[in-house]
Protein backbone atom coordinates (compact mmCIF):
# COMPACT_ATOMS: atom_id res chain seq x y z
CA MET A 1 97.44 120.94 115.05
CA LEU A 2 96.35 123.09 111.75
CA GLY A 3 95.69 126.55 112.59
CA HIS A 4 95.95 126.12 116.44
CA LEU A 5 94.73 129.27 118.05
CA THR A 6 96.76 130.83 120.76
CA LYS A 7 97.20 133.51 123.62
CA HIS A 8 100.36 135.20 124.68
CA GLU A 9 101.51 137.24 126.80
CA GLY A 10 104.04 138.84 124.45
CA GLY A 11 107.00 138.26 122.58
CA ALA A 12 105.85 136.05 119.93
CA THR A 13 106.50 137.25 116.48
CA CYS A 14 104.43 137.28 113.34
CA LYS A 15 106.23 135.10 110.56
CA ILE A 16 104.95 136.90 107.88
CA CYS A 17 104.89 140.71 108.78
CA GLY A 18 107.03 140.91 111.52
CA ARG A 19 104.62 142.07 114.28
CA VAL A 20 105.35 141.33 117.99
CA ALA A 21 102.42 139.73 119.83
CA GLN A 22 100.84 142.19 122.45
CA SER A 23 99.59 140.90 125.80
CA GLY A 24 96.20 138.87 124.66
CA GLU A 25 96.55 138.96 121.09
CA GLN A 26 95.28 136.26 119.43
CA PHE A 27 98.26 134.25 116.78
CA HIS A 28 97.81 131.16 115.22
CA TYR A 29 100.17 128.41 115.07
CA ILE A 30 100.90 127.09 111.57
CA THR A 31 102.70 123.92 111.54
CA GLY A 32 105.73 124.16 109.87
CA LEU A 33 105.71 127.96 109.50
CA GLY A 34 105.65 129.06 113.09
CA GLU A 35 103.35 131.88 114.86
CA VAL A 36 101.35 134.29 112.47
CA CYS A 37 99.43 137.27 113.61
CA HIS A 38 95.52 136.98 113.42
CA ARG A 39 95.30 139.59 110.34
CA CYS A 40 98.21 137.52 108.45
CA GLY A 41 96.48 134.19 109.39
CA LEU A 42 92.89 135.74 107.53
CA ASP A 43 95.07 136.59 104.32
CA PRO A 44 94.22 134.14 101.06
CA VAL A 45 96.96 131.46 100.01
CA VAL A 46 97.24 129.55 97.43
CA CYS A 47 97.96 125.56 97.91
CA ASP A 48 101.49 124.45 96.34
CA LEU A 49 99.40 121.14 94.91
CA CYS A 50 95.54 121.80 93.94
CA GLY A 51 95.59 125.11 93.60
CA ALA A 52 92.53 125.57 96.10
CA ARG A 53 92.37 129.35 97.86
CA VAL A 54 92.71 128.78 101.34
CA ARG A 55 93.29 130.83 104.73
CA ARG A 56 96.83 131.27 105.96
CA MET A 57 95.92 129.64 109.34
CA THR A 58 94.22 126.65 107.96
CA LEU A 59 97.16 125.64 106.06
CA THR A 60 100.48 123.51 106.87
CA VAL A 61 104.15 123.64 105.43
CA LEU A 62 105.17 120.15 104.77
CA ARG A 63 108.46 119.62 102.79
CA GLY A 64 108.89 123.51 102.15
CA LYS A 65 105.10 123.13 100.02
CA SER A 66 102.23 125.22 101.33
CA LEU A 67 99.46 122.49 101.60
CA CYS A 68 95.54 123.08 102.28
CA LEU A 69 94.19 120.32 104.75
CA ASN A 70 93.08 117.80 102.13
CA CYS A 71 96.44 117.79 100.42
CA TYR A 72 97.99 117.72 103.66
CA LYS A 73 96.42 114.56 104.25
CA LYS A 74 97.30 112.90 100.90
CA GLU A 75 101.14 113.89 101.33
CA ARG A 76 101.32 113.00 105.00
CA GLU A 77 99.45 109.33 103.66
CA SER A 78 102.12 108.97 100.99
CA GLY A 79 104.86 109.18 103.39
CA GLU A 80 103.23 106.56 106.00
CA LYS A 81 104.54 102.88 105.73
CA ARG A 82 100.64 101.78 106.43
CA ALA A 83 97.50 103.09 105.87
CA VAL A 84 94.05 102.22 107.95
CA ARG A 85 90.73 103.09 106.11
CA GLU A 86 87.14 102.25 107.53
CA VAL A 87 84.91 100.18 105.22
CA GLN A 88 80.84 100.29 105.85
CA ALA A 89 79.50 96.54 104.20
CA PRO A 90 77.29 94.15 104.93
CA ASP A 91 79.40 91.18 104.59
CA ILE A 92 83.01 90.51 103.60
CA GLY A 93 82.26 89.89 100.13
CA GLU A 94 81.22 93.57 99.56
CA ALA A 95 84.03 94.89 101.86
CA LEU A 96 86.45 92.99 100.03
CA LYS A 97 85.12 94.53 96.49
CA ILE A 98 84.92 98.24 97.98
CA ALA A 99 88.40 97.81 99.99
CA LEU A 100 90.33 96.94 96.81
CA GLU A 101 88.08 99.92 94.60
CA ASN A 102 89.15 102.28 97.15
CA SER A 103 92.62 101.34 97.81
CA PRO A 104 95.19 104.51 98.36
CA LYS A 105 97.48 105.21 95.31
CA GLY A 106 100.87 103.69 95.54
CA PHE A 107 99.27 101.15 98.40
CA ARG A 108 98.27 97.30 98.37
CA LEU A 109 95.68 95.59 100.49
CA ILE A 110 97.25 93.91 103.04
CA GLY A 111 94.52 92.79 105.34
CA LEU A 112 90.57 93.16 105.72
CA ARG A 113 88.84 92.36 109.55
CA LEU A 114 85.68 93.26 110.62
CA LYS A 115 85.61 96.21 113.62
CA THR A 116 85.56 95.60 117.07
CA SER A 117 81.55 95.17 118.26
CA SER A 118 80.49 95.83 114.79
CA LYS A 119 78.60 94.02 112.04
CA ALA A 120 78.88 96.19 109.18
CA SER A 121 82.37 98.41 109.66
CA TRP A 122 85.13 96.91 108.30
CA GLN A 123 88.98 98.04 108.77
CA ALA A 124 91.19 97.60 105.40
CA GLU A 125 94.60 97.82 106.02
CA TYR A 126 97.22 99.01 103.44
CA GLU A 127 101.01 98.94 102.91
CA ARG A 128 102.71 100.95 100.58
CA GLU A 129 103.99 98.95 97.89
CA ASP A 130 107.96 99.46 97.53
CA ILE A 131 107.52 98.12 101.29
CA TYR A 132 105.43 95.43 100.24
CA GLN A 133 107.47 93.93 97.38
CA MET A 134 110.70 94.16 99.44
CA ARG A 135 109.57 92.34 102.21
CA CYS A 136 107.72 89.75 100.35
CA SER A 137 110.68 88.85 97.77
C-alpha cells in the first residue's frame, strides 16, 4: 500500500539516510523501495513520468521508476490484461457512447453490462489490444 505508516519496535533501517528506527518511531513503507524514516518520507521528489513534485511517502517504485499515485495507476493498468471502468448513463446507448469515448489507451471495449441493483451505473470491460488480436485471430 502506498505510503503505509508503520511503527516498529526497532531494527528497521531507512533506505535513504540509513538511520535505524528507535522504539515507537514512525517509518513509512514505500512499495518497491522499502522502509523510509518520517523525515526522509516528507522530502519532496519528482515523478519520473509526469514531473509532479510529491512527497516521497506518497510515491511508489515500479519497474525502477519513481511514480506518483496517478502515474502508478496508469502504469499498472497498462500492464493488466483487462480493465473495468464504471460509467454513469441513463440508457445503454449513452453508456456505450461514453464507454467508447473514454476507453483506456491500448484497450478495446469487449463488454458493457448494467451494474447489479442499479438503473444508471454500467460496467465497461476492456481488454488489451494485443491480447484481443491474438485471441480473435
